[in-house]
Amino acid sequence: IATAGRIETRCKNGGEWSVELKCEVPLVVIGGGEISDSSGDRSFEVIDFEGRPECNISIPDMRSQRTFHNILYHPNGPEILACNGLTSSGAATCDRWDLTGTNLTWTLQGNPHKGTYLEEMYTQLNSGSHYQNYEDPNPHKRYGRYAAESLTVDSRPVILGGMVNKEDSHQVTDTARVYDGSDWSSCKLGTKRAFFCAVKLQESLI
């Protein structure tokens, strides 16, 4: 597969290329989850099916334990995101790990249930106003999310469905979240789903 950041190039004056194109053998990253009957985990392991010593890399532990969560690859970072899950935090959160090697620890990315800056401003302006039919496109800001599916489509991490929870309330949702590198935006599934599977068939479609 193409190496992140080395997918496109252009010919410069003098016949040189702006970026050296590269490809790589894909790796599988596994992290978090239940490791015993009563213990969650925050560690990672990397699987290389070619068994090459140079791919024996390590990823630092997440900031907290996560189960029923999502791990997403964002090639435009490049970075790995760990989002959602049954955690000690009430609202959903995402942590990020920089793949460039300049960031050796996980940092907080934000709340994936918050919308773009413009969406949030528009919601504040219409909250409690005379627009009685206004519907907040990001209604779960104070809710957690778990048992959702996640994919990276067209270089954008996507979180699909799952359970949204607040205190003792747990509800299946048809909402989905899309990450553009700074903000999360909303879209919807055709049916409410949780504890399901999804596969990417080609780069531009789910």
C-alpha atoms as a PDB file:
ATOM      1  CA  ILE A   1       0.000   0.000   0.000  1.00  0.00           C
ATOM      2  CA  ALA A   2       1.066   3.630  -0.416  1.00  0.00           C
ATOM      3  CA  THR A   3       3.064   5.194   2.408  1.00  0.00           C
ATOM      4  CA  ALA A   4       1.226   7.993   4.219  1.00  0.00           C
ATOM      5  CA  GLY A   5       2.443  11.373   3.006  1.00  0.00           C
ATOM      6  CA  ARG A   6       4.101   9.823  -0.069  1.00  0.00           C
ATOM      7  CA  ILE A   7       1.036   9.209  -2.218  1.00  0.00           C
ATOM      8  CA  GLU A   8       1.203  12.183  -4.590  1.00  0.00           C
ATOM      9  CA  THR A   9       4.123  13.967  -6.240  1.00  0.00           C
ATOM     10  CA  ARG A  10       4.748  16.573  -8.943  1.00  0.00           C
ATOM     11  CA  CYS A  11       7.546  17.199 -11.371  1.00  0.00           C
ATOM     12  CA  LYS A  12       9.558  20.328 -10.505  1.00  0.00           C
ATOM     13  CA  ASN A  13      11.716  22.466 -12.769  1.00  0.00           C
ATOM     14  CA  GLY A  14      14.850  20.536 -13.542  1.00  0.00           C
ATOM     15  CA  GLY A  15      13.119  17.173 -13.700  1.00  0.00           C
ATOM     16  CA  GLU A  16      13.134  16.358  -9.968  1.00  0.00           C
ATOM     17  CA  TRP A  17      10.087  15.063  -8.098  1.00  0.00           C
ATOM     18  CA  SER A  18       8.647  17.024  -5.163  1.00  0.00           C
ATOM     19  CA  VAL A  19       8.039  13.880  -3.081  1.00  0.00           C
ATOM     20  CA  GLU A  20       9.625  10.443  -3.345  1.00  0.00           C
ATOM     21  CA  LEU A  21       6.803   7.938  -3.740  1.00  0.00           C
ATOM     22  CA  LYS A  22       6.955   4.887  -1.489  1.00  0.00           C
ATOM     23  CA  CYS A  23       4.904   1.819  -0.673  1.00  0.00           C
ATOM     24  CA  GLU A  24       4.940  -0.400   2.371  1.00  0.00           C
ATOM     25  CA  VAL A  25       3.714  -3.686   3.810  1.00  0.00           C
ATOM     26  CA  PRO A  26       0.661  -2.959   6.001  1.00  0.00           C
ATOM     27  CA  LEU A  27       0.776  -3.547   9.744  1.00  0.00           C
ATOM     28  CA  VAL A  28      -2.070  -4.418  12.096  1.00  0.00           C
ATOM     29  CA  VAL A  29      -2.373  -2.393  15.317  1.00  0.00           C
ATOM     30  CA  ILE A  30      -4.284  -3.865  18.283  1.00  0.00           C
ATOM     31  CA  GLY A  31      -4.897  -2.001  21.525  1.00  0.00           C
ATOM     32  CA  GLY A  32      -7.017  -1.909  24.650  1.00  0.00           C
ATOM     33  CA  GLY A  33      -9.943  -4.230  25.322  1.00  0.00           C
ATOM     34  CA  GLU A  34     -10.499  -6.835  28.017  1.00  0.00           C
ATOM     35  CA  ILE A  35      -7.444  -8.896  28.926  1.00  0.00           C
ATOM     36  CA  SER A  36      -9.044 -10.796  31.819  1.00  0.00           C
ATOM     37  CA  ASP A  37     -12.448 -11.324  33.389  1.00  0.00           C
ATOM     38  CA  SER A  38     -12.351  -8.008  35.223  1.00  0.00           C
ATOM     39  CA  SER A  39      -9.454  -6.001  33.821  1.00  0.00           C
ATOM     40  CA  GLY A  40      -9.361  -3.586  30.905  1.00  0.00           C
ATOM     41  CA  ASP A  41      -6.151  -2.676  29.130  1.00  0.00           C
ATOM     42  CA  ARG A  42      -4.411   0.337  27.587  1.00  0.00           C
ATOM     43  CA  SER A  43      -1.427  -1.318  25.891  1.00  0.00           C
ATOM     44  CA  PHE A  44      -0.781  -1.901  22.156  1.00  0.00           C
ATOM     45  CA  GLU A  45       0.776  -4.537  19.980  1.00  0.00           C
ATOM     46  CA  VAL A  46       1.761  -4.359  16.316  1.00  0.00           C
ATOM     47  CA  ILE A  47       1.476  -7.402  14.038  1.00  0.00           C
ATOM     48  CA  ASP A  48       3.595  -7.687  10.890  1.00  0.00           C
ATOM     49  CA  PHE A  49       2.544 -10.713   8.834  1.00  0.00           C
ATOM     50  CA  GLU A  50       5.912 -10.644   7.023  1.00  0.00           C
ATOM     51  CA  GLY A  51       7.797 -11.088  10.314  1.00  0.00           C
ATOM     52  CA  ARG A  52      10.457  -8.488   9.498  1.00  0.00           C
ATOM     53  CA  PRO A  53      12.697  -7.298  12.375  1.00  0.00           C
ATOM     54  CA  GLU A  54      12.572  -3.672  11.189  1.00  0.00           C
ATOM     55  CA  CYS A  55       8.800  -3.675  11.759  1.00  0.00           C
ATOM     56  CA  ASN A  56       9.142  -4.737  15.383  1.00  0.00           C
ATOM     57  CA  ILE A  57       7.916  -1.369  16.660  1.00  0.00           C
ATOM     58  CA  SER A  58       6.200  -0.366  19.867  1.00  0.00           C
ATOM     59  CA  ILE A  59       3.374   2.065  20.591  1.00  0.00           C
ATOM     60  CA  PRO A  60       3.088   3.658  24.046  1.00  0.00           C
ATOM     61  CA  ASP A  61       0.163   2.847  26.302  1.00  0.00           C
ATOM     62  CA  MET A  62      -2.993   4.899  25.977  1.00  0.00           C
ATOM     63  CA  ARG A  63      -3.731   7.522  28.612  1.00  0.00           C
ATOM     64  CA  SER A  64      -6.492   5.332  30.081  1.00  0.00           C
ATOM     65  CA  GLN A  65      -8.075   1.904  29.694  1.00  0.00           C
ATOM     66  CA  ARG A  66     -10.633   1.491  26.909  1.00  0.00           C
ATOM     67  CA  THR A  67     -13.007  -1.372  26.080  1.00  0.00           C
ATOM     68  CA  PHE A  68     -15.585  -1.609  23.281  1.00  0.00           C
ATOM     69  CA  HIS A  69     -13.703   1.323  21.723  1.00  0.00           C
ATOM     70  CA  ASN A  70     -12.418   2.353  18.276  1.00  0.00           C
ATOM     71  CA  ILE A  71      -8.890   2.609  16.916  1.00  0.00           C
ATOM     72  CA  LEU A  72      -8.587   4.597  13.691  1.00  0.00           C
ATOM     73  CA  TYR A  73      -5.744   5.393  11.327  1.00  0.00           C
ATOM     74  CA  HIS A  74      -5.632   8.967  10.016  1.00  0.00           C
ATOM     75  CA  PRO A  75      -3.095   9.022   7.143  1.00  0.00           C
ATOM     76  CA  ASN A  76      -3.114  12.804   6.756  1.00  0.00           C
ATOM     77  CA  GLY A  77      -1.662  13.194  10.261  1.00  0.00           C
ATOM     78  CA  PRO A  78      -0.263  10.719  10.121  1.00  0.00           C
ATOM     79  CA  GLU A  79      -1.688   9.626  13.466  1.00  0.00           C
ATOM     80  CA  ILE A  80      -3.602   6.912  15.289  1.00  0.00           C
ATOM     81  CA  LEU A  81      -6.801   7.805  17.135  1.00  0.00           C
ATOM     82  CA  ALA A  82      -8.233   5.890  20.091  1.00  0.00           C
ATOM     83  CA  CYS A  83     -11.860   6.906  20.600  1.00  0.00           C
ATOM     84  CA  ASN A  84     -14.951   6.082  22.619  1.00  0.00           C
ATOM     85  CA  GLY A  85     -15.437   2.920  24.666  1.00  0.00           C
ATOM     86  CA  LEU A  86     -16.489   2.175  28.196  1.00  0.00           C
ATOM     87  CA  THR A  87     -14.167   4.486  30.109  1.00  0.00           C
ATOM     88  CA  SER A  88     -14.102   6.445  33.353  1.00  0.00           C
ATOM     89  CA  SER A  89     -14.975   9.603  31.379  1.00  0.00           C
ATOM     90  CA  GLY A  90     -18.670  10.439  31.073  1.00  0.00           C
ATOM     91  CA  ALA A  91     -18.484  12.018  27.611  1.00  0.00           C
ATOM     92  CA  ALA A  92     -16.821  10.401  24.617  1.00  0.00           C
ATOM     93  CA  THR A  93     -13.167  11.295  24.035  1.00  0.00           C
ATOM     94  CA  CYS A  94     -10.471  10.667  21.438  1.00  0.00           C
ATOM     95  CA  ASP A  95      -6.757  10.428  22.123  1.00  0.00           C
ATOM     96  CA  ARG A  96      -4.151  10.746  19.380  1.00  0.00           C
ATOM     97  CA  TRP A  97      -0.637   9.407  18.823  1.00  0.00           C
ATOM     98  CA  ASP A  98       1.603  11.139  16.287  1.00  0.00           C
ATOM     99  CA  LEU A  99       3.199   8.647  13.866  1.00  0.00           C
ATOM    100  CA  THR A 100       5.960  11.042  12.810  1.00  0.00           C
ATOM    101  CA  GLY A 101       7.944  10.172  15.921  1.00  0.00           C
ATOM    102  CA  THR A 102       7.885  13.693  17.349  1.00  0.00           C
ATOM    103  CA  ASN A 103       5.247  12.809  19.956  1.00  0.00           C
ATOM    104  CA  LEU A 104       6.197   9.904  22.218  1.00  0.00           C
ATOM    105  CA  THR A 105       3.013   9.952  24.296  1.00  0.00           C
ATOM    106  CA  TRP A 106      -0.718  10.001  23.634  1.00  0.00           C
ATOM    107  CA  THR A 107      -2.474  13.358  23.851  1.00  0.00           C
ATOM    108  CA  LEU A 108      -6.143  14.328  24.040  1.00  0.00           C
ATOM    109  CA  GLN A 109      -7.606  15.049  20.581  1.00  0.00           C
ATOM    110  CA  GLY A 110     -11.064  16.063  21.812  1.00  0.00           C
ATOM    111  CA  ASN A 111     -14.697  15.026  21.977  1.00  0.00           C
ATOM    112  CA  PRO A 112     -15.851  13.245  18.782  1.00  0.00           C
ATOM    113  CA  HIS A 113     -19.464  14.179  19.553  1.00  0.00           C
ATOM    114  CA  LYS A 114     -18.768  17.894  19.165  1.00  0.00           C
ATOM    115  CA  GLY A 115     -19.316  19.337  15.703  1.00  0.00           C
ATOM    116  CA  THR A 116     -17.374  21.820  13.637  1.00  0.00           C
ATOM    117  CA  TYR A 117     -16.894  25.353  14.918  1.00  0.00           C
ATOM    118  CA  LEU A 118     -19.635  26.658  12.617  1.00  0.00           C
ATOM    119  CA  GLU A 119     -22.060  23.899  13.660  1.00  0.00           C
ATOM    120  CA  GLU A 120     -21.528  24.618  17.345  1.00  0.00           C
ATOM    121  CA  MET A 121     -21.934  28.375  16.843  1.00  0.00           C
ATOM    122  CA  TYR A 122     -25.141  27.851  14.878  1.00  0.00           C
ATOM    123  CA  THR A 123     -26.493  25.533  17.567  1.00  0.00           C
ATOM    124  CA  GLN A 124     -25.791  28.109  20.297  1.00  0.00           C
ATOM    125  CA  LEU A 125     -27.536  30.832  18.297  1.00  0.00           C
ATOM    126  CA  ASN A 126     -30.638  28.674  17.809  1.00  0.00           C
ATOM    127  CA  SER A 127     -30.753  27.069  21.242  1.00  0.00           C
ATOM    128  CA  GLY A 128     -33.899  28.212  23.039  1.00  0.00           C
ATOM    129  CA  SER A 129     -34.777  30.579  20.199  1.00  0.00           C
ATOM    130  CA  HIS A 130     -37.969  30.862  18.185  1.00  0.00           C
ATOM    131  CA  TYR A 131     -36.692  28.138  15.819  1.00  0.00           C
ATOM    132  CA  GLN A 132     -38.774  25.419  17.436  1.00  0.00           C
ATOM    133  CA  ASN A 133     -38.009  22.842  14.750  1.00  0.00           C
ATOM    134  CA  TYR A 134     -34.232  23.228  14.929  1.00  0.00           C
ATOM    135  CA  GLU A 135     -32.454  19.913  15.505  1.00  0.00           C
ATOM    136  CA  ASP A 136     -28.906  19.878  16.845  1.00  0.00           C
ATOM    137  CA  PRO A 137     -26.787  17.828  14.384  1.00  0.00           C
ATOM    138  CA  ASN A 138     -24.507  16.867  17.293  1.00  0.00           C
ATOM    139  CA  PRO A 139     -26.901  15.932  20.121  1.00  0.00           C
ATOM    140  CA  HIS A 140     -24.596  13.616  22.109  1.00  0.00           C
ATOM    141  CA  LYS A 141     -21.909  16.015  23.344  1.00  0.00           C
ATOM    142  CA  ARG A 142     -22.355  14.891  26.949  1.00  0.00           C
ATOM    143  CA  TYR A 143     -22.764  11.220  26.060  1.00  0.00           C
ATOM    144  CA  GLY A 144     -20.275   8.406  25.735  1.00  0.00           C
ATOM    145  CA  ARG A 145     -20.210   5.903  22.861  1.00  0.00           C
ATOM    146  CA  TYR A 146     -19.199   2.258  22.686  1.00  0.00           C
ATOM    147  CA  ALA A 147     -19.775  -0.850  20.526  1.00  0.00           C
ATOM    148  CA  ALA A 148     -19.428   1.277  17.354  1.00  0.00           C
ATOM    149  CA  GLU A 149     -17.640   0.343  14.126  1.00  0.00           C
ATOM    150  CA  SER A 150     -14.870   2.444  12.577  1.00  0.00           C
ATOM    151  CA  LEU A 151     -13.145   2.736   9.199  1.00  0.00           C
ATOM    152  CA  THR A 152     -10.872   5.114   7.338  1.00  0.00           C
ATOM    153  CA  VAL A 153     -12.539   6.154   4.075  1.00  0.00           C
ATOM    154  CA  ASP A 154     -10.928   8.550   1.591  1.00  0.00           C
ATOM    155  CA  SER A 155      -8.298   9.364   4.259  1.00  0.00           C
ATOM    156  CA  ARG A 156     -11.015  10.348   6.765  1.00  0.00           C
ATOM    157  CA  PRO A 157     -11.642   8.347   9.962  1.00  0.00           C
ATOM    158  CA  VAL A 158     -15.327   7.436  10.336  1.00  0.00           C
ATOM    159  CA  ILE A 159     -17.177   6.144  13.415  1.00  0.00           C
ATOM    160  CA  LEU A 160     -20.433   4.309  12.710  1.00  0.00           C
ATOM    161  CA  GLY A 161     -23.377   3.702  15.040  1.00  0.00           C
ATOM    162  CA  GLY A 162     -22.904   2.033  18.407  1.00  0.00           C
ATOM    163  CA  MET A 163     -24.403   2.631  21.819  1.00  0.00           C
ATOM    164  CA  VAL A 164     -24.587   6.163  23.253  1.00  0.00           C
ATOM    165  CA  ASN A 165     -24.647   6.267  27.028  1.00  0.00           C
ATOM    166  CA  LYS A 166     -25.125   8.793  29.814  1.00  0.00           C
ATOM    167  CA  GLU A 167     -25.215   7.527  33.402  1.00  0.00           C
ATOM    168  CA  ASP A 168     -27.683   4.598  33.354  1.00  0.00           C
ATOM    169  CA  SER A 169     -29.091   5.363  29.886  1.00  0.00           C
ATOM    170  CA  HIS A 170     -27.780   3.172  27.037  1.00  0.00           C
ATOM    171  CA  GLN A 171     -29.355   3.587  23.585  1.00  0.00           C
ATOM    172  CA  VAL A 172     -28.575   2.226  20.128  1.00  0.00           C
ATOM    173  CA  THR A 173     -27.821   5.057  17.692  1.00  0.00           C
ATOM    174  CA  ASP A 174     -27.866   5.618  13.941  1.00  0.00           C
ATOM    175  CA  THR A 175     -25.476   8.566  14.158  1.00  0.00           C
ATOM    176  CA  ALA A 176     -22.014   8.528  12.620  1.00  0.00           C
ATOM    177  CA  ARG A 177     -18.994  10.806  13.056  1.00  0.00           C
ATOM    178  CA  VAL A 178     -16.480  11.892  10.398  1.00  0.00           C
ATOM    179  CA  TYR A 179     -13.048  13.408  11.210  1.00  0.00           C
ATOM    180  CA  ASP A 180     -11.392  15.938   8.876  1.00  0.00           C
ATOM    181  CA  GLY A 181      -8.147  16.334  10.792  1.00  0.00           C
ATOM    182  CA  SER A 182      -9.370  19.008  13.214  1.00  0.00           C
ATOM    183  CA  ASP A 183     -13.156  18.740  13.663  1.00  0.00           C
ATOM    184  CA  TRP A 184     -15.799  16.013  13.725  1.00  0.00           C
ATOM    185  CA  SER A 185     -18.983  16.295  11.654  1.00  0.00           C
ATOM    186  CA  SER A 186     -22.173  14.249  11.626  1.00  0.00           C
ATOM    187  CA  CYS A 187     -23.982  11.918   9.262  1.00  0.00           C
ATOM    188  CA  LYS A 188     -26.486   9.101   9.740  1.00  0.00           C
ATOM    189  CA  LEU A 189     -26.915   5.409   9.040  1.00  0.00           C
ATOM    190  CA  GLY A 190     -30.132   4.080   7.582  1.00  0.00           C
ATOM    191  CA  THR A 191     -30.739   1.910  10.676  1.00  0.00           C
ATOM    192  CA  LYS A 192     -29.741   2.105  14.321  1.00  0.00           C
ATOM    193  CA  ARG A 193     -26.944  -0.435  14.900  1.00  0.00           C
ATOM    194  CA  ALA A 194     -24.521  -1.509  17.623  1.00  0.00           C
ATOM    195  CA  PHE A 195     -22.156  -4.483  18.086  1.00  0.00           C
ATOM    196  CA  PHE A 196     -22.005  -4.909  14.281  1.00  0.00           C
ATOM    197  CA  CYS A 197     -19.303  -5.281  11.615  1.00  0.00           C
ATOM    198  CA  ALA A 198     -18.360  -3.128   8.607  1.00  0.00           C
ATOM    199  CA  VAL A 199     -15.801  -3.500   5.817  1.00  0.00           C
ATOM    200  CA  LYS A 200     -14.417  -1.007   3.312  1.00  0.00           C
ATOM    201  CA  LEU A 201     -14.925  -2.306  -0.235  1.00  0.00           C
ATOM    202  CA  GLN A 202     -13.004   0.440  -2.046  1.00  0.00           C
ATOM    203  CA  GLU A 203     -11.357   3.722  -1.153  1.00  0.00           C
ATOM    204  CA  SER A 204     -14.300   5.985  -1.901  1.00  0.00           C
ATOM    205  CA  LEU A 205     -17.135   3.849  -0.513  1.00  0.00           C
ATOM    206  CA  ILE A 206     -18.106   2.025   2.698  1.00  0.00           C
END
